[in-house]
Amino acid sequence: MRDNGGERLARVVSVGRNSAWIAFEGEALLRLASLRKSVERTALVPGDLVRATPLDEERVVVDALEPRTFALTRTTAGGRTKTMAANVDGIAIVSAFARPAPHLAMIDELIAFAELHSLRAHLILTKPDLAEPDDLVRIPALYAGLGYVTLVVNPKIQAGVDAIESTFATAHTLLIGQSGVGKSTLFRALGGSGAVGDVSKGGRGKQTTTTGRLHRFADGFLIDSPGVGEFELAGVSAAELGLGFVEFAPLLGGCRFADCVHRDEPGCAVRAALESGRIAASRYASYRSILERPRSS
């Protein structure tokens, strides 16, 4: 049976070399689409808006890429620029209170990545029923105190799901988090699409451990993103990195030395703030771990 709907707008969720998982605008169903020859030369990324034509009930072809309003790029260890996503305005970091344990260094690096790429950062904390009592209070208070929207949710019992709906209703957001933190459960609670296997390099939908998901709101969407490692900060100077930590930024001109990197230098305003308790020890430890990471030559 042939589909007579003609060319329609669709959102890219996951990509391969010669095909992509897409969802037509107004729908959540993911469909595997092949690419026209003219599109194969374009590196599609999650969040791209494309024009696509359903050929029949099974086959879809992407005809063209629509202009991007925003392209999220990073510099690889080899110095090349890689586009990771398009048409997004924020990231939502998903972390569990337990199983797996909260990885604050990862959260801080993802937030710094968002700051340096002019994206809104949100934090979604799952599995509150398994949390240590101190963590249940301390971690949300830390990030909310820095100005980040921080949501504690238990999607298994629908707790906090309404807050997700209202927070992201008009946003175009990448969802980021380690395996096991509850992203799949969250998508099910939202009523979003099930996971699909990442498109293989050959473009034929081979199942892998990486998945793609999409949830639509009335005027926004959540897209499950590439792996956490895609967002690692690389080749960032100390001056740039400091700007990724919002509580450091007002202090950066107050150090004794203009080239202070906030490690052991005398007269460091950042370390003074750390010692007085105005900067959390965990946040400073995250900054140091990124700053001192071995860099490729």
Protein backbone atom coordinates (compact mmCIF):
# COMPACT_ATOMS: atom_id res chain seq x y z
CA MET A 1 0.00 0.00 0.00
CA ARG A 2 1.49 3.32 -1.05
CA ASP A 3 1.52 6.35 1.28
CA ASN A 4 0.08 9.36 -0.56
CA GLY A 5 1.01 11.88 2.13
CA GLY A 6 3.90 13.32 0.13
CA GLU A 7 6.91 15.11 1.58
CA ARG A 8 6.68 15.97 5.30
CA LEU A 9 8.84 17.50 8.03
CA ALA A 10 10.52 15.06 10.39
CA ARG A 11 12.93 15.18 13.36
CA VAL A 12 16.15 13.15 13.33
CA VAL A 13 16.66 11.04 16.47
CA SER A 14 19.58 8.74 15.62
CA VAL A 15 21.83 8.52 12.59
CA GLY A 16 24.03 6.22 10.55
CA ARG A 17 26.03 6.62 7.38
CA ASN A 18 23.24 6.07 4.88
CA SER A 19 20.09 6.17 7.01
CA ALA A 20 18.51 7.70 10.09
CA TRP A 21 15.77 7.07 12.62
CA ILE A 22 13.27 9.90 12.24
CA ALA A 23 9.87 10.92 13.63
CA PHE A 24 7.47 12.91 11.50
CA GLU A 25 6.38 16.20 13.06
CA GLY A 26 3.36 15.67 15.29
CA GLU A 27 4.20 11.98 15.80
CA ALA A 28 6.33 10.02 18.27
CA LEU A 29 6.68 6.85 16.18
CA LEU A 30 10.28 6.34 15.04
CA ARG A 31 10.84 5.18 11.48
CA LEU A 32 14.03 4.07 9.80
CA ALA A 33 14.64 6.19 6.70
CA SER A 34 17.14 5.93 3.90
CA LEU A 35 18.84 9.03 2.52
CA ARG A 36 18.73 10.54 -0.95
CA LYS A 37 22.12 10.72 -2.62
CA SER A 38 22.11 14.48 -2.16
CA VAL A 39 21.61 14.05 1.61
CA GLU A 40 24.23 11.31 2.05
CA ARG A 41 26.93 13.98 1.73
CA THR A 42 25.41 15.84 4.69
CA ALA A 43 26.25 14.63 8.21
CA LEU A 44 22.83 14.50 9.84
CA VAL A 45 22.75 14.73 13.65
CA PRO A 46 20.10 14.28 16.35
CA GLY A 47 17.72 17.24 16.41
CA ASP A 48 18.01 17.98 12.70
CA LEU A 49 14.78 18.87 10.93
CA VAL A 50 14.48 17.21 7.53
CA ARG A 51 11.98 16.81 4.72
CA ALA A 52 11.12 13.15 4.19
CA THR A 53 8.70 11.17 2.06
CA PRO A 54 6.93 7.94 3.10
CA LEU A 55 7.15 5.61 0.11
CA ASP A 56 4.91 2.94 1.63
CA GLU A 57 4.09 1.52 5.06
CA GLU A 58 7.68 0.37 5.56
CA ARG A 59 9.94 2.64 3.52
CA VAL A 60 10.78 6.30 4.11
CA VAL A 61 13.37 8.45 2.37
CA VAL A 62 14.96 11.69 3.60
CA ASP A 63 14.87 14.23 0.78
CA ALA A 64 16.60 17.30 2.25
CA LEU A 65 17.95 18.93 5.39
CA GLU A 66 16.23 22.07 6.67
CA PRO A 67 18.44 25.01 7.80
CA ARG A 68 19.69 24.63 11.37
CA THR A 69 18.86 27.24 14.00
CA PHE A 70 21.74 25.99 16.17
CA ALA A 71 24.54 23.44 15.79
CA LEU A 72 26.16 21.94 18.88
CA THR A 73 29.80 21.24 18.06
CA ARG A 74 32.84 20.10 19.99
CA THR A 75 36.53 19.82 19.21
CA THR A 76 37.84 16.27 19.26
CA ALA A 77 41.14 15.21 20.84
CA GLY A 78 42.61 15.32 17.34
CA GLY A 79 41.61 18.94 16.89
CA ARG A 80 38.74 18.30 14.49
CA THR A 81 35.30 19.85 14.86
CA LYS A 82 32.40 17.46 15.27
CA THR A 83 28.71 18.41 15.16
CA MET A 84 26.85 16.48 17.85
CA ALA A 85 23.30 17.82 17.67
CA ALA A 86 21.23 20.56 16.07
CA ASN A 87 18.29 22.81 16.92
CA VAL A 88 18.59 22.22 20.67
CA ASP A 89 18.66 24.85 23.41
CA GLY A 90 19.50 22.81 26.49
CA ILE A 91 20.66 19.58 28.06
CA ALA A 92 19.04 17.60 30.85
CA ILE A 93 21.53 15.56 32.87
CA VAL A 94 20.01 12.43 34.41
CA SER A 95 21.76 11.01 37.48
CA ALA A 96 20.61 8.44 40.01
CA PHE A 97 20.96 8.78 43.76
CA ALA A 98 22.04 5.12 43.82
CA ARG A 99 22.59 2.10 41.54
CA PRO A 100 24.68 3.67 40.06
CA ALA A 101 25.95 6.09 42.69
CA PRO A 102 25.85 9.80 41.80
CA HIS A 103 28.92 10.85 39.83
CA LEU A 104 29.24 14.53 40.68
CA ALA A 105 32.37 15.02 38.56
CA MET A 106 30.44 13.87 35.49
CA ILE A 107 27.51 16.14 36.35
CA ASP A 108 29.84 19.11 36.80
CA GLU A 109 31.63 18.47 33.51
CA LEU A 110 28.34 18.24 31.62
CA ILE A 111 27.13 21.46 33.23
CA ALA A 112 30.40 23.19 32.33
CA PHE A 113 30.03 21.90 28.77
CA ALA A 114 26.56 23.44 28.62
CA GLU A 115 27.78 26.75 30.01
CA LEU A 116 30.60 26.96 27.48
CA HIS A 117 28.23 26.14 24.61
CA SER A 118 25.48 28.60 25.65
CA LEU A 119 23.00 25.84 26.51
CA ARG A 120 20.62 25.69 29.44
CA ALA A 121 21.56 22.94 31.87
CA HIS A 122 19.03 21.03 33.97
CA LEU A 123 19.56 18.20 36.45
CA ILE A 124 17.15 15.29 36.86
CA LEU A 125 17.81 13.08 39.89
CA THR A 126 16.21 9.63 39.94
CA LYS A 127 15.77 6.77 42.42
CA PRO A 128 15.14 8.98 45.48
CA ASP A 129 13.76 5.91 47.27
CA LEU A 130 17.31 4.48 47.27
CA ALA A 131 19.07 7.68 48.29
CA GLU A 132 21.19 8.21 51.36
CA PRO A 133 19.31 10.77 53.51
CA ASP A 134 22.20 13.25 53.32
CA ASP A 135 22.43 12.99 49.51
CA LEU A 136 18.69 13.48 49.12
CA VAL A 137 19.05 16.96 50.61
CA ARG A 138 22.64 17.93 49.80
CA ILE A 139 22.83 17.21 46.07
CA PRO A 140 19.63 18.98 44.96
CA ALA A 141 20.45 21.93 47.24
CA LEU A 142 23.94 22.25 45.75
CA TYR A 143 22.81 22.57 42.14
CA ALA A 144 19.61 24.48 42.79
CA GLY A 145 21.73 26.92 44.79
CA LEU A 146 23.86 27.50 41.70
CA GLY A 147 20.75 28.43 39.72
CA TYR A 148 20.16 25.16 37.85
CA VAL A 149 16.68 23.71 37.62
CA THR A 150 16.99 20.51 39.65
CA LEU A 151 14.20 17.95 39.62
CA VAL A 152 13.90 14.89 41.86
CA VAL A 153 11.74 12.26 40.17
CA ASN A 154 10.66 8.68 40.65
CA PRO A 155 9.05 7.80 37.31
CA LYS A 156 8.20 4.28 38.48
CA ILE A 157 5.42 5.82 40.58
CA GLN A 158 4.96 8.92 38.39
CA ALA A 159 6.42 11.17 41.10
CA GLY A 160 7.85 14.35 39.56
CA VAL A 161 6.80 13.50 36.00
CA ASP A 162 4.45 16.50 35.88
CA ALA A 163 7.44 18.74 36.69
CA ILE A 164 9.33 17.24 33.74
CA GLU A 165 6.37 17.97 31.48
CA SER A 166 6.10 21.61 32.60
CA THR A 167 9.85 22.31 32.65
CA PHE A 168 10.54 21.04 29.13
CA ALA A 169 7.20 21.78 27.46
CA THR A 170 8.61 24.46 25.15
CA ALA A 171 12.30 23.42 25.18
CA HIS A 172 14.38 21.45 22.69
CA THR A 173 16.51 19.33 24.95
CA LEU A 174 19.10 16.57 24.83
CA LEU A 175 18.78 14.01 27.62
CA ILE A 176 22.17 12.81 28.87
CA GLY A 177 23.04 10.20 31.46
CA GLN A 178 24.92 7.02 32.19
CA SER A 179 23.42 3.59 31.67
CA GLY A 180 21.19 2.49 34.52
CA VAL A 181 20.14 5.93 35.78
CA GLY A 182 16.54 5.47 34.68
CA LYS A 183 16.23 7.20 31.32
CA SER A 184 14.19 4.33 29.87
CA THR A 185 11.83 4.39 32.84
CA LEU A 186 11.48 8.15 32.46
CA PHE A 187 10.58 7.85 28.77
CA ARG A 188 7.98 5.22 29.56
CA ALA A 189 6.47 7.43 32.27
CA LEU A 190 6.29 10.34 29.82
CA GLY A 191 4.66 8.14 27.22
CA GLY A 192 7.50 8.68 24.76
CA SER A 193 8.66 6.22 22.15
CA GLY A 194 10.46 3.04 23.00
CA ALA A 195 14.17 2.72 22.35
CA VAL A 196 15.50 1.78 18.95
CA GLY A 197 18.86 0.33 18.06
CA ASP A 198 21.37 2.88 16.88
CA VAL A 199 21.74 2.88 13.12
CA SER A 200 24.83 0.92 12.15
CA LYS A 201 27.55 2.42 9.97
CA GLY A 202 26.15 0.38 7.13
CA GLY A 203 22.81 2.02 7.78
CA ARG A 204 20.59 -0.98 8.35
CA GLY A 205 19.39 -0.60 11.91
CA LYS A 206 21.68 -3.13 13.59
CA GLN A 207 20.94 -3.37 17.30
CA THR A 208 23.66 -1.96 19.53
CA THR A 209 23.96 -0.88 23.15
CA THR A 210 23.36 2.73 22.13
CA THR A 211 19.72 3.73 21.78
CA GLY A 212 17.72 6.61 20.47
CA ARG A 213 14.48 7.91 21.96
CA LEU A 214 12.21 10.86 21.34
CA HIS A 215 9.44 12.38 23.46
CA ARG A 216 7.38 15.22 22.06
CA PHE A 217 5.72 17.99 24.01
CA ALA A 218 3.27 20.43 22.48
CA ASP A 219 6.07 22.85 21.56
CA GLY A 220 9.26 20.98 22.42
CA PHE A 221 11.02 17.64 22.55
CA LEU A 222 13.41 15.46 24.51
CA ILE A 223 15.93 13.43 22.54
CA ASP A 224 18.06 10.76 24.17
CA SER A 225 21.57 11.80 23.27
CA PRO A 226 24.85 10.17 22.27
CA GLY A 227 27.00 8.71 25.05
CA VAL A 228 28.22 10.80 27.96
CA GLY A 229 31.77 10.67 26.60
CA GLU A 230 30.71 12.75 23.61
CA PHE A 231 30.40 15.74 25.93
CA GLU A 232 33.82 15.53 27.54
CA LEU A 233 35.63 18.84 27.70
CA ALA A 234 38.89 18.64 25.80
CA GLY A 235 41.53 21.24 25.04
CA VAL A 236 39.91 23.84 27.27
CA SER A 237 42.18 26.40 28.88
CA ALA A 238 41.99 27.21 32.59
CA ALA A 239 40.47 30.59 31.76
CA GLU A 240 37.76 28.99 29.63
CA LEU A 241 37.12 26.21 32.13
CA GLY A 242 36.59 28.70 34.95
CA LEU A 243 33.75 30.25 32.97
CA GLY A 244 32.04 26.85 32.94
CA PHE A 245 31.70 27.00 36.72
CA VAL A 246 29.21 29.76 37.44
CA GLU A 247 30.36 30.32 41.02
CA PHE A 248 33.95 30.87 39.81
CA ALA A 249 33.06 33.48 37.20
CA PRO A 250 32.63 36.51 39.54
CA LEU A 251 35.99 35.73 41.15
CA LEU A 252 38.14 35.29 38.05
CA GLY A 253 39.44 38.87 38.02
CA GLY A 254 40.23 38.90 41.71
CA CYS A 255 43.31 36.66 41.84
CA ARG A 256 46.74 38.16 42.55
CA PHE A 257 48.14 36.81 39.29
CA ALA A 258 46.42 37.31 35.96
CA ASP A 259 47.39 33.82 34.81
CA CYS A 260 46.18 32.08 37.99
CA VAL A 261 44.78 28.61 37.31
CA HIS A 262 43.41 28.26 40.86
CA ARG A 263 45.60 25.41 42.05
CA ASP A 264 48.36 26.44 44.48
CA GLU A 265 49.01 30.07 43.55
CA PRO A 266 49.10 32.62 46.39
CA GLY A 267 46.34 35.19 46.45
CA CYS A 268 43.88 33.00 44.53
CA ALA A 269 40.32 34.30 44.91
CA VAL A 270 38.82 30.95 43.92
CA ARG A 271 40.76 29.03 46.57
CA ALA A 272 39.86 31.66 49.15
CA ALA A 273 36.19 31.13 48.30
CA LEU A 274 36.70 27.38 48.59
CA GLU A 275 38.27 27.73 52.03
CA SER A 276 35.46 29.99 53.23
CA GLY A 277 32.80 27.56 52.02
CA ARG A 278 31.43 29.74 49.23
CA ILE A 279 32.53 27.12 46.67
CA ALA A 280 31.62 23.49 47.31
CA ALA A 281 34.57 21.13 47.70
CA SER A 282 33.04 18.70 45.18
CA ARG A 283 32.74 21.43 42.55
CA TYR A 284 36.33 22.51 43.02
CA ALA A 285 37.48 18.87 42.83
CA SER A 286 35.61 18.52 39.52
CA TYR A 287 37.32 21.63 38.16
CA ARG A 288 40.74 20.27 39.15
CA SER A 289 40.05 16.85 37.64
CA ILE A 290 39.18 18.41 34.27
CA LEU A 291 42.06 20.89 34.39
CA GLU A 292 44.65 18.22 35.21
CA ARG A 293 43.37 15.60 32.76
CA PRO A 294 46.12 14.37 30.43
CA ARG A 295 45.80 16.05 27.06
CA SER A 296 46.65 14.68 23.67
CA SER A 297 49.58 16.32 21.95
